[in-house]
Amino acid sequence: MSTENEGTAVPPAPSAPPVPVDAPAASAHQERPAPDGAASTAPMPPVPPGVPGTAQDHGPQGAPAAPAPQYGPPAGHGFPEHGPGHGAQGVPGSGAPAGSSSPPDASWPPPPAPPSAYGDGGAGHGTGGWGSSHQQPAPKSGGGRGRLVAAVLAAALVAGGAGGGLGYTLAKENDGASTTVSASTSGGDIKREPGTVAAVAAKALPSTVTIEAEGRSGEGGTGTGFVFDTQGHIVTNNHVVADAVDDGKVTATFPNGEKYDAEVVGHAQGYDVAVIKLENAPSDLKPLPLGNSDEVAVGDSTIAIGAPFGLSNTVTTGIISAKNRPVASSDGAGSQASYMSALQTDASINPGNSGGPLLDAQGNVIGINSAIQSTSNGGFGTGQAGSIGLGFAIPINQAKFVAQELIKTGKPVYAKIGASVSLEEASGGAKITEQGAGGSEPVEPGGPADKAGLEPGDVITKLDDRVIDSGPTLIGEIWTHKPGDEVTITYERGGKEHTTELTLGSRVGDS
C-alpha cells in the first residue's frame, strides 16, 4: 500500500512596497531585478512506489507439501515468516518527494507520508517566499531594499534545502549582492546506535549459519542454526537435519562464506531441537547470548534471522504476538509430531528460516524459529506456502535445556506424567484414554499419574495455572518443565473438579 499527500497551494509572495516618487535615481550599486520565476521552485519528481518484498518461511527449503499440521507448506503449522512492504509515493506539486516508510514488519501497513515541507507555508518557510509562482519585482531605488529581497530569497533556499534534506550551501560573490547555490558533496557519517535493528543484526549475523542437510539418497533441504558455544556446537531444528541423521551429509556456511562440514551430535524429534558440531571449528566463534523466554512480554520487538527459500542471512522484524501458544507440527514424512508451548511472532518466517534465532531488541536469543500457520497454496513456483504473519518459536529456556542434554548424552530427556492422553482436538481438556498405546496400561503403574491418583477417563483441565484444552496442549506444557518438577493438576471426574499434586517423571530418547 502506498500513501499519498497533496500539498496545499501556497499564496503568492507579496510584492515590494512602491517607492516614493521623489526617490533619487538608482545608483550603480542598485540590485538587478530577479529573473522571471526566480522565486518559484519546480516540484521534484515523485518517488516510484516501493517494490513489494518477498515473503519468507520456516523449515527446509523444497520440502514436499503435506497435510496440516506441518512445518512448511500446507495449512496447519509449517516452516515460518512476513510479507511485502511498500514505500510512500512522492507528491506532485509539493516541492519534495515524500519519504519512503519502511515498516519494521512488512505485515504492518506503512504510515502515511509526512506533509510536504514546502507546499503549505509551514514553519521555516513563511507564506510568501518558497513554492510561490509569483515574480518578485526589483525595487526602483535604494540598494538596501534590494539586498533585503535577495536575503529573503536566500533564506528561503536554505530553509527549503534543509527541510528537503538536500544539503544546500550558500556562496557569496565579491560584490556581496548575488548568491549562488551548490550541492553538498557529503551527508555526513551514518551512525547506528546500539539497540537499533541494524546494530543487532550486524552483531548477530556472524554467529548464524545456513545449514544444508542431505540424506544418503540425496533428499534434504536448507535451514538455519546459530552458534551455541565456542566448541563449535550449532543449535537448530530437528526437522532441518533429520534427513542427514543416518549417514547423511551436513554443512554449515557462515555469512562470510566460510563453509564447514558438520555432524549431528543429537536430535530430539518431540522437541524439534537438534545440535550439530562443526568439524575443524574456527577458534574465534562467538556464541549468541541467550535471553530469558519466561520474561518475554506480548508486544516486545523481535528480530528473526534465517535463509527463507534459500536466501541466506535474511533479517526480518516483528513483535511477540502471543505466548504459550500450543503448537503441534510435523514434517509430513510419517514421523511423530513435535509439540511446543510456543512464542508466537509476526516476524516473517518461511521455509529455510527453521532453526534460526528469534532475537529480542537487545540481540538475545529468546526462541528458535520452528513453524508457521500457513495457507495451503504455495508461491514463487515452488509449491511451498509462505508466511501469513503467524510464526512460532520454541522458547529458548526449553531449547537450552534440550541442547545441553543432547551435547552431554546425545539423547533427549522428556518430562512425563505417566499417562496416555487423547490427541483429538477436543476443547474440554486432555482426557486420559481408556486404553494405552500399543496395548500398554493407560496409566503407568507406579508412575507419576498413578501416584497422584489419576485414573482412565479423567479430564485434565489445568496444569498449574495454565488452561489445558487438549492432549497436545498438555504435552507441550509438560515439556516446558524438567523431570522432577512438581506441578498442580486440575482434573474433572464424574462432573466434579479435583486437584492433585504431581511430580514429573522422565523418559530418555524418542519413542
Protein backbone atom coordinates (compact mmCIF):
# COMPACT_ATOMS: atom_id res chain seq x y z
CA MET A 1 0.00 0.00 0.00
CA SER A 2 1.25 3.44 -0.81
CA THR A 3 0.23 6.65 0.86
CA GLU A 4 -0.11 9.94 -0.92
CA ASN A 5 -0.25 13.51 0.36
CA GLU A 6 -1.24 16.56 -1.63
CA GLY A 7 0.29 19.89 -0.55
CA THR A 8 -1.88 22.94 -0.04
CA ALA A 9 -1.34 25.63 -2.62
CA VAL A 10 0.85 28.48 -1.39
CA PRO A 11 -0.41 32.06 -1.78
CA PRO A 12 1.82 34.31 -3.87
CA ALA A 13 4.53 36.31 -2.10
CA PRO A 14 3.65 39.98 -1.52
CA SER A 15 5.40 42.37 -3.86
CA ALA A 16 7.81 45.02 -2.56
CA PRO A 17 6.06 48.26 -1.46
CA PRO A 18 6.09 51.10 -4.03
CA VAL A 19 8.99 53.54 -3.88
CA PRO A 20 8.12 57.23 -3.26
CA VAL A 21 8.07 59.44 -6.34
CA ASP A 22 10.77 61.74 -5.07
CA ALA A 23 13.27 58.92 -4.50
CA PRO A 24 16.72 59.55 -6.02
CA ALA A 25 17.76 57.75 -9.17
CA ALA A 26 19.14 54.24 -8.76
CA SER A 27 22.85 54.14 -8.07
CA ALA A 28 25.41 51.92 -9.74
CA HIS A 29 25.01 49.50 -6.83
CA GLN A 30 21.28 49.04 -7.32
CA GLU A 31 20.18 45.38 -7.31
CA ARG A 32 19.21 43.86 -10.61
CA PRO A 33 15.64 42.63 -10.98
CA ALA A 34 15.21 38.95 -10.14
CA PRO A 35 14.83 36.83 -13.27
CA ASP A 36 11.36 35.72 -14.19
CA GLY A 37 10.26 32.87 -11.91
CA ALA A 38 13.31 33.18 -9.62
CA ALA A 39 11.18 32.84 -6.52
CA SER A 40 9.45 29.68 -7.68
CA THR A 41 10.74 26.17 -7.44
CA ALA A 42 9.66 23.33 -9.71
CA PRO A 43 8.28 20.31 -7.83
CA MET A 44 10.71 17.41 -7.56
CA PRO A 45 9.79 14.21 -9.43
CA PRO A 46 7.74 11.70 -7.43
CA VAL A 47 9.48 8.66 -5.99
CA PRO A 48 8.18 5.42 -7.50
CA PRO A 49 6.15 3.25 -5.15
CA GLY A 50 8.20 0.73 -3.12
CA VAL A 51 8.67 -2.67 -4.67
CA PRO A 52 6.85 -5.35 -2.68
CA GLY A 53 9.17 -7.65 -0.73
CA THR A 54 9.04 -11.40 -0.87
CA ALA A 55 7.63 -13.47 1.92
CA GLN A 56 9.76 -15.92 3.86
CA ASP A 57 9.12 -19.19 5.68
CA HIS A 58 10.32 -21.94 8.04
CA GLY A 59 11.86 -25.33 7.59
CA PRO A 60 13.98 -26.92 4.93
CA GLN A 61 13.53 -25.34 1.55
CA GLY A 62 11.96 -27.51 -1.06
CA ALA A 63 10.25 -29.86 1.40
CA PRO A 64 7.18 -31.52 -0.18
CA ALA A 65 3.76 -30.30 0.81
CA ALA A 66 2.00 -32.34 3.46
CA PRO A 67 -1.31 -32.31 5.29
CA ALA A 68 -1.69 -29.96 8.24
CA PRO A 69 -0.35 -29.56 10.80
CA GLN A 70 3.20 -29.36 9.47
CA TYR A 71 6.41 -27.33 9.35
CA GLY A 72 6.10 -25.76 5.99
CA PRO A 73 3.78 -25.64 3.03
CA PRO A 74 0.30 -26.88 3.97
CA ALA A 75 -2.29 -25.43 6.24
CA GLY A 76 -1.63 -26.15 9.86
CA HIS A 77 1.80 -25.49 11.25
CA GLY A 78 4.74 -25.36 8.96
CA PHE A 79 8.00 -23.56 8.48
CA PRO A 80 7.85 -19.71 9.50
CA GLU A 81 7.74 -15.61 8.11
CA HIS A 82 6.44 -11.76 6.58
CA GLY A 83 5.00 -10.01 3.67
CA PRO A 84 5.62 -7.15 1.30
CA GLY A 85 6.34 -3.61 2.29
CA HIS A 86 5.63 -0.51 0.22
CA GLY A 87 7.23 2.89 0.17
CA ALA A 88 5.27 6.14 0.01
CA GLN A 89 4.87 7.77 -3.38
CA GLY A 90 6.13 11.29 -3.99
CA VAL A 91 3.61 14.06 -4.02
CA PRO A 92 3.38 16.14 -7.17
CA GLY A 93 3.49 19.83 -6.54
CA SER A 94 4.81 19.57 -3.03
CA GLY A 95 8.33 20.61 -3.92
CA ALA A 96 9.88 17.49 -2.37
CA PRO A 97 9.30 13.73 -2.55
CA ALA A 98 7.55 12.07 0.32
CA GLY A 99 9.93 9.79 2.21
CA SER A 100 9.50 6.05 1.85
CA SER A 101 8.20 4.47 5.03
CA SER A 102 9.94 1.20 5.89
CA PRO A 103 7.94 -0.70 8.46
CA PRO A 104 9.68 -2.83 10.93
CA ASP A 105 7.39 -5.51 9.75
CA ALA A 106 6.01 -5.85 6.18
CA SER A 107 2.64 -7.07 7.60
CA TRP A 108 2.13 -3.68 9.09
CA PRO A 109 0.80 -1.08 6.70
CA PRO A 110 3.29 1.73 6.27
CA PRO A 111 2.47 5.09 7.91
CA PRO A 112 1.24 7.94 5.71
CA ALA A 113 3.88 10.10 4.12
CA PRO A 114 4.60 13.31 6.06
CA PRO A 115 3.06 16.53 4.77
CA SER A 116 5.09 18.40 2.21
CA ALA A 117 7.86 20.54 3.69
CA TYR A 118 7.32 23.20 1.12
CA GLY A 119 3.74 23.41 -0.03
CA ASP A 120 1.87 24.66 2.99
CA GLY A 121 3.76 27.69 4.23
CA GLY A 122 4.77 25.91 7.41
CA ALA A 123 7.43 26.82 9.93
CA GLY A 124 10.64 27.93 8.36
CA HIS A 125 9.07 28.90 5.07
CA GLY A 126 6.52 31.62 5.75
CA THR A 127 3.63 32.24 3.40
CA GLY A 128 5.31 34.08 0.61
CA GLY A 129 8.84 33.01 -0.23
CA TRP A 130 9.03 29.25 -1.03
CA GLY A 131 7.00 27.41 -3.62
CA SER A 132 5.29 30.58 -4.87
CA SER A 133 4.95 31.22 -8.60
CA HIS A 134 4.73 34.99 -8.10
CA GLN A 135 7.66 37.01 -9.50
CA GLN A 136 9.42 39.28 -7.01
CA PRO A 137 9.89 42.73 -8.67
CA ALA A 138 13.08 44.66 -8.04
CA PRO A 139 12.86 47.93 -6.10
CA LYS A 140 13.17 51.07 -8.11
CA SER A 141 15.63 52.65 -5.76
CA GLY A 142 17.52 52.10 -2.51
CA GLY A 143 20.18 49.38 -2.73
CA GLY A 144 19.39 48.40 0.87
CA ARG A 145 15.87 47.23 -0.03
CA GLY A 146 17.21 45.21 -2.96
CA ARG A 147 19.69 43.45 -0.76
CA LEU A 148 16.85 42.66 1.66
CA VAL A 149 14.91 40.92 -1.11
CA ALA A 150 17.98 38.84 -2.03
CA ALA A 151 18.48 37.93 1.63
CA VAL A 152 14.86 36.75 2.00
CA LEU A 153 15.17 34.58 -1.10
CA ALA A 154 18.47 33.14 0.12
CA ALA A 155 16.89 32.29 3.47
CA ALA A 156 14.06 30.52 1.69
CA LEU A 157 16.54 28.42 -0.25
CA VAL A 158 18.42 27.48 2.90
CA ALA A 159 15.23 26.62 4.79
CA GLY A 160 13.81 24.72 1.87
CA GLY A 161 17.00 22.80 1.27
CA ALA A 162 17.25 21.85 4.93
CA GLY A 163 13.61 20.84 5.00
CA GLY A 164 14.01 18.64 1.94
CA GLY A 165 17.23 17.04 3.15
CA LEU A 166 19.19 18.23 0.10
CA GLY A 167 22.07 19.87 1.95
CA TYR A 168 22.31 23.17 0.08
CA THR A 169 25.01 25.72 0.95
CA LEU A 170 25.29 29.38 0.04
CA ALA A 171 28.31 31.11 -1.50
CA LYS A 172 28.56 34.90 -1.79
CA GLU A 173 30.29 36.65 -4.65
CA ASN A 174 32.76 39.51 -4.18
CA ASP A 175 30.17 42.25 -4.67
CA GLY A 176 28.10 40.84 -1.79
CA ALA A 177 24.92 41.21 -3.85
CA SER A 178 24.32 37.98 -5.75
CA THR A 179 24.21 34.41 -4.45
CA THR A 180 24.83 31.01 -5.98
CA VAL A 181 23.67 27.60 -4.81
CA SER A 182 25.86 24.48 -4.83
CA ALA A 183 25.08 20.89 -3.81
CA SER A 184 26.86 19.48 -0.77
CA THR A 185 29.15 16.54 -1.56
CA SER A 186 28.52 14.63 1.69
CA GLY A 187 25.64 13.93 4.03
CA GLY A 188 27.92 13.01 6.93
CA ASP A 189 28.76 9.69 8.53
CA ILE A 190 25.96 7.22 9.24
CA LYS A 191 25.88 6.14 12.87
CA ARG A 192 23.76 3.23 14.07
CA GLU A 193 23.18 3.36 17.79
CA PRO A 194 23.18 0.19 19.91
CA GLY A 195 19.72 -1.34 20.08
CA THR A 196 18.71 -0.49 16.51
CA VAL A 197 17.78 -3.39 14.24
CA ALA A 198 20.82 -2.71 12.08
CA ALA A 199 23.15 -2.80 15.08
CA VAL A 200 21.61 -6.02 16.45
CA ALA A 201 21.75 -7.69 13.04
CA ALA A 202 25.37 -6.66 12.49
CA LYS A 203 26.35 -8.29 15.77
CA ALA A 204 24.23 -11.45 15.42
CA LEU A 205 24.73 -12.34 11.74
CA PRO A 206 28.36 -13.51 12.11
CA SER A 207 27.13 -16.12 14.61
CA THR A 208 24.40 -17.59 12.41
CA VAL A 209 24.84 -20.25 9.75
CA THR A 210 22.92 -21.59 6.78
CA ILE A 211 22.62 -25.37 7.11
CA GLU A 212 22.36 -27.78 4.19
CA ALA A 213 21.40 -31.33 5.11
CA GLU A 214 21.34 -34.24 2.67
CA GLY A 215 20.37 -37.87 3.15
CA ARG A 216 22.02 -40.90 1.53
CA SER A 217 19.53 -40.83 -1.32
CA GLY A 218 20.04 -37.11 -1.95
CA GLU A 219 16.92 -35.78 -0.26
CA GLY A 220 17.26 -32.85 2.12
CA GLY A 221 16.88 -29.13 2.39
CA THR A 222 18.11 -25.83 3.76
CA GLY A 223 17.68 -24.38 7.24
CA THR A 224 19.39 -22.15 9.74
CA GLY A 225 21.30 -22.50 13.01
CA PHE A 226 23.26 -20.38 15.47
CA VAL A 227 26.48 -20.73 17.43
CA PHE A 228 25.77 -22.20 20.87
CA ASP A 229 29.28 -22.40 22.33
CA THR A 230 32.95 -21.91 21.45
CA GLN A 231 33.48 -25.64 20.86
CA GLY A 232 31.59 -25.47 17.57
CA HIS A 233 28.12 -26.66 18.59
CA ILE A 234 25.31 -25.24 16.49
CA VAL A 235 21.66 -25.36 17.59
CA THR A 236 18.93 -25.85 15.00
CA ASN A 237 15.63 -27.69 14.45
CA ASN A 238 15.42 -31.47 14.29
CA HIS A 239 13.46 -31.32 11.05
CA VAL A 240 16.28 -29.33 9.40
CA VAL A 241 18.83 -32.17 9.82
CA ALA A 242 16.52 -35.20 10.11
CA ASP A 243 17.35 -36.47 6.61
CA ALA A 244 21.07 -36.49 7.40
CA VAL A 245 20.90 -38.28 10.77
CA ASP A 246 21.75 -41.71 9.35
CA ASP A 247 24.98 -41.43 7.35
CA GLY A 248 23.93 -38.21 5.65
CA LYS A 249 25.87 -35.03 4.98
CA VAL A 250 25.56 -31.71 6.82
CA THR A 251 27.34 -28.44 6.04
CA ALA A 252 27.18 -25.04 7.74
CA THR A 253 28.02 -21.80 5.93
CA PHE A 254 28.74 -18.52 7.73
CA PRO A 255 27.79 -15.12 6.25
CA ASN A 256 31.45 -14.51 5.30
CA GLY A 257 31.31 -17.54 3.01
CA GLU A 258 33.31 -19.92 5.20
CA LYS A 259 31.81 -23.39 4.92
CA TYR A 260 32.31 -26.30 7.32
CA ASP A 261 31.32 -29.94 7.34
CA ALA A 262 29.38 -30.93 10.44
CA GLU A 263 27.97 -33.96 12.22
CA VAL A 264 24.69 -34.42 14.08
CA VAL A 265 25.53 -34.69 17.78
CA GLY A 266 21.97 -35.33 18.91
CA HIS A 267 18.38 -34.68 17.93
CA ALA A 268 15.05 -34.57 19.75
CA GLN A 269 12.08 -35.17 17.50
CA GLY A 270 9.47 -34.35 20.12
CA TYR A 271 11.07 -31.01 21.00
CA ASP A 272 12.12 -30.39 17.36
CA VAL A 273 15.61 -29.44 18.55
CA ALA A 274 18.94 -30.72 17.21
CA VAL A 275 22.62 -29.96 17.75
CA ILE A 276 25.34 -30.28 15.14
CA LYS A 277 29.07 -29.78 15.61
CA LEU A 278 31.44 -28.15 13.14
CA GLU A 279 34.47 -30.14 12.04
CA ASN A 280 37.67 -28.14 12.48
CA ALA A 281 35.68 -25.32 14.08
CA PRO A 282 37.34 -21.88 13.99
CA SER A 283 38.81 -20.57 17.23
CA ASP A 284 37.02 -17.22 17.11
CA LEU A 285 33.42 -18.43 17.38
CA LYS A 286 31.13 -16.05 19.26
CA PRO A 287 28.05 -17.73 20.77
CA LEU A 288 24.87 -15.69 20.65
CA PRO A 289 23.75 -14.52 24.12
CA LEU A 290 20.68 -16.36 25.42
CA GLY A 291 17.79 -14.41 26.90
CA ASN A 292 15.03 -15.48 29.29
CA SER A 293 11.93 -16.52 27.38
CA ASP A 294 9.85 -16.56 30.58
CA GLU A 295 10.25 -12.79 30.85
CA VAL A 296 9.18 -12.04 27.27
CA ALA A 297 6.04 -9.90 27.05
CA VAL A 298 3.45 -9.60 24.31
CA GLY A 299 4.37 -6.60 22.19
CA ASP A 300 8.13 -6.96 22.65
CA SER A 301 10.12 -6.37 19.45
CA THR A 302 11.55 -9.42 17.68
CA ILE A 303 14.24 -9.94 15.04
CA ALA A 304 14.44 -13.19 13.07
CA ILE A 305 17.47 -14.36 11.09
CA GLY A 306 17.36 -17.18 8.56
CA ALA A 307 17.56 -18.41 4.98
CA PRO A 308 13.97 -18.21 3.68
CA PHE A 309 13.65 -20.06 0.38
CA GLY A 310 17.44 -20.34 0.37
CA LEU A 311 18.04 -16.59 0.74
CA SER A 312 20.77 -16.78 3.36
CA ASN A 313 21.38 -14.12 6.02
CA THR A 314 17.91 -12.63 5.78
CA VAL A 315 16.76 -10.39 8.64
CA THR A 316 13.10 -9.69 9.40
CA THR A 317 11.37 -7.92 12.26
CA GLY A 318 8.13 -8.07 14.20
CA ILE A 319 6.76 -8.39 17.71
CA ILE A 320 5.76 -11.09 20.15
CA SER A 321 2.13 -11.66 19.22
CA ALA A 322 1.31 -14.22 21.94
CA LYS A 323 2.92 -16.54 24.49
CA ASN A 324 2.31 -20.16 25.47
CA ARG A 325 0.66 -20.92 22.14
CA PRO A 326 0.08 -24.71 21.88
CA VAL A 327 1.52 -25.96 18.60
CA ALA A 328 1.75 -29.47 17.21
CA SER A 329 3.72 -29.74 13.98
CA SER A 330 5.05 -32.42 11.68
CA ASP A 331 7.22 -32.58 8.58
CA GLY A 332 4.62 -34.75 6.86
CA ALA A 333 7.03 -37.66 6.40
CA GLY A 334 5.17 -40.04 8.69
CA SER A 335 7.26 -39.01 11.68
CA GLN A 336 5.90 -38.27 15.12
CA ALA A 337 4.66 -34.78 15.76
CA SER A 338 6.56 -32.16 17.72
CA TYR A 339 4.83 -30.27 20.50
CA MET A 340 5.62 -26.86 21.89
CA SER A 341 4.17 -24.13 24.07
CA ALA A 342 5.41 -21.58 21.60
CA LEU A 343 6.22 -17.91 21.34
CA GLN A 344 4.08 -16.50 18.54
CA THR A 345 5.56 -13.76 16.37
CA ASP A 346 4.56 -11.87 13.24
CA ALA A 347 8.19 -11.57 12.10
CA SER A 348 8.33 -13.02 8.61
CA ILE A 349 9.39 -16.69 8.77
CA ASN A 350 9.36 -19.04 5.78
CA PRO A 351 10.85 -22.39 4.67
CA GLY A 352 14.58 -22.07 5.35
CA ASN A 353 14.15 -19.96 8.50
CA SER A 354 13.77 -23.12 10.59
CA GLY A 355 16.35 -23.39 13.35
CA GLY A 356 17.31 -19.74 13.18
CA PRO A 357 17.34 -17.44 16.20
CA LEU A 358 14.47 -15.23 17.25
CA LEU A 359 16.11 -12.27 18.99
CA ASP A 360 14.86 -9.56 21.29
CA ALA A 361 15.69 -5.88 20.79
CA GLN A 362 18.99 -6.30 22.67
CA GLY A 363 20.13 -9.20 20.46
CA ASN A 364 19.48 -12.00 22.97
CA VAL A 365 18.08 -15.29 21.66
CA ILE A 366 14.58 -15.78 23.05
CA GLY A 367 13.47 -18.62 20.75
CA ILE A 368 14.20 -20.94 17.84
CA ASN A 369 12.02 -20.27 14.80
CA SER A 370 10.29 -23.55 14.00
CA ALA A 371 6.82 -23.41 12.45
CA ILE A 372 4.15 -21.27 10.86
CA GLN A 373 0.44 -21.35 10.36
CA SER A 374 0.15 -21.10 6.60
CA THR A 375 -2.34 -21.15 3.77
CA SER A 376 -2.27 -24.24 1.60
CA ASN A 377 -1.26 -22.59 -1.67
CA GLY A 378 2.45 -22.16 -2.38
CA GLY A 379 4.30 -19.31 -4.03
CA PHE A 380 7.39 -18.49 -6.10
CA GLY A 381 6.75 -21.56 -8.27
CA THR A 382 8.00 -23.86 -5.52
CA GLY A 383 4.73 -25.36 -4.36
CA GLN A 384 5.57 -24.19 -0.84
CA ALA A 385 3.38 -21.90 1.19
CA GLY A 386 4.76 -18.74 2.74
CA SER A 387 4.25 -16.71 5.86
CA ILE A 388 0.96 -15.06 6.70
CA GLY A 389 2.36 -13.47 9.84
CA LEU A 390 1.76 -16.39 12.23
CA GLY A 391 5.16 -17.76 13.19
CA PHE A 392 6.05 -19.93 16.17
CA ALA A 393 9.32 -20.32 18.05
CA ILE A 394 10.48 -22.79 20.69
CA PRO A 395 11.15 -20.80 23.89
CA ILE A 396 14.91 -20.62 24.47
CA ASN A 397 14.63 -21.71 28.12
CA GLN A 398 13.32 -25.06 26.92
CA ALA A 399 15.66 -25.30 23.93
CA LYS A 400 18.70 -24.55 26.08
CA PHE A 401 17.93 -27.47 28.43
CA VAL A 402 17.36 -29.82 25.49
CA ALA A 403 20.56 -28.72 23.70
CA GLN A 404 22.65 -29.21 26.83
CA GLU A 405 21.29 -32.76 27.25
CA LEU A 406 21.98 -33.56 23.60
CA ILE A 407 25.58 -32.32 23.90
CA LYS A 408 26.07 -34.24 27.14
CA THR A 409 24.46 -37.60 26.24
CA GLY A 410 23.37 -37.41 22.61
CA LYS A 411 19.80 -38.26 23.65
CA PRO A 412 16.82 -36.10 24.65
CA VAL A 413 15.19 -36.31 28.06
CA TYR A 414 11.45 -35.65 28.32
CA ALA A 415 9.32 -34.87 31.37
CA LYS A 416 6.22 -37.07 31.66
CA ILE A 417 3.14 -37.72 33.80
CA GLY A 418 2.97 -41.43 33.03
CA ALA A 419 -0.47 -41.49 31.42
CA SER A 420 -1.77 -41.78 27.87
CA VAL A 421 -4.00 -38.91 26.72
CA SER A 422 -6.19 -38.47 23.68
CA LEU A 423 -4.69 -36.37 20.89
CA GLU A 424 -8.03 -35.31 19.50
CA GLU A 425 -8.53 -31.56 19.22
CA ALA A 426 -11.25 -31.57 21.87
CA SER A 427 -11.95 -28.33 23.70
CA GLY A 428 -12.83 -29.80 27.07
CA GLY A 429 -9.31 -30.75 28.18
CA ALA A 430 -6.84 -33.64 27.93
CA LYS A 431 -8.66 -36.92 28.51
CA ILE A 432 -6.76 -39.91 29.87
CA THR A 433 -7.60 -42.74 27.48
CA GLU A 434 -9.25 -45.97 28.46
CA GLN A 435 -6.51 -47.95 26.71
CA GLY A 436 -2.82 -47.19 26.39
CA ALA A 437 -0.74 -47.09 23.22
CA GLY A 438 0.35 -50.49 21.88
CA GLY A 439 -1.73 -52.32 24.43
CA SER A 440 0.01 -50.75 27.42
CA GLU A 441 -1.77 -49.51 30.52
CA PRO A 442 -3.35 -46.05 30.09
CA VAL A 443 -1.95 -45.06 33.50
CA GLU A 444 1.57 -46.36 34.10
CA PRO A 445 1.56 -48.47 37.29
CA GLY A 446 3.64 -46.72 39.94
CA GLY A 447 4.17 -43.73 37.63
CA PRO A 448 3.58 -40.04 38.47
CA ALA A 449 -0.09 -40.01 37.44
CA ASP A 450 -0.79 -43.24 39.32
CA LYS A 451 0.83 -41.86 42.48
CA ALA A 452 -1.20 -38.66 42.12
CA GLY A 453 -4.46 -40.65 41.98
CA LEU A 454 -5.35 -40.05 38.31
CA GLU A 455 -7.44 -42.67 36.51
CA PRO A 456 -8.54 -43.53 32.94
CA GLY A 457 -11.37 -41.23 31.88
CA ASP A 458 -10.18 -38.27 33.97
CA VAL A 459 -10.07 -35.00 32.01
CA ILE A 460 -7.13 -32.73 32.87
CA THR A 461 -8.16 -29.08 32.55
CA LYS A 462 -5.22 -27.20 34.12
CA LEU A 463 -1.53 -27.68 34.80
CA ASP A 464 -0.62 -25.17 37.49
CA ASP A 465 -2.36 -22.01 36.24
CA ARG A 466 -2.21 -22.94 32.55
CA VAL A 467 -5.55 -23.91 30.98
CA ILE A 468 -5.39 -27.27 29.15
CA ASP A 469 -7.86 -27.66 26.30
CA SER A 470 -6.48 -30.77 24.56
CA GLY A 471 -3.92 -33.58 24.71
CA PRO A 472 -1.36 -31.77 22.52
CA THR A 473 -1.65 -28.68 24.74
CA LEU A 474 -0.93 -30.82 27.82
CA ILE A 475 2.09 -32.47 26.21
CA GLY A 476 3.55 -29.15 25.07
CA GLU A 477 3.08 -27.67 28.53
CA ILE A 478 4.62 -30.68 30.30
CA TRP A 479 7.67 -30.42 28.04
CA THR A 480 8.33 -26.87 29.16
CA HIS A 481 9.22 -28.43 32.53
CA LYS A 482 12.10 -30.62 33.63
CA PRO A 483 11.84 -34.10 35.17
CA GLY A 484 11.40 -33.79 38.91
CA ASP A 485 9.38 -30.56 38.77
CA GLU A 486 6.28 -30.52 40.99
CA VAL A 487 3.07 -29.35 39.35
CA THR A 488 -0.58 -29.00 40.35
CA ILE A 489 -3.06 -30.90 38.18
CA THR A 490 -6.71 -29.86 37.97
CA TYR A 491 -9.00 -32.52 36.53
CA GLU A 492 -12.65 -33.48 36.20
CA ARG A 493 -14.12 -36.85 37.19
CA GLY A 494 -17.81 -37.64 37.21
CA GLY A 495 -18.70 -33.99 36.64
CA LYS A 496 -16.73 -32.79 39.67
CA GLU A 497 -13.47 -30.84 39.72
CA HIS A 498 -10.46 -32.08 41.69
CA THR A 499 -6.83 -31.05 42.16
CA THR A 500 -3.75 -33.13 42.94
CA GLU A 501 -0.01 -32.59 43.24
CA LEU A 502 2.22 -34.48 40.80
CA THR A 503 5.99 -34.89 40.46
CA LEU A 504 7.00 -35.21 36.81
CA GLY A 505 8.90 -38.32 35.77
CA SER A 506 11.38 -38.70 32.90
CA ARG A 507 11.74 -40.53 29.63
CA VAL A 508 15.01 -40.81 27.72
CA GLY A 509 15.04 -40.80 23.92
CA ASP A 510 12.35 -40.53 21.24
CA SER A 511 9.82 -43.33 21.12
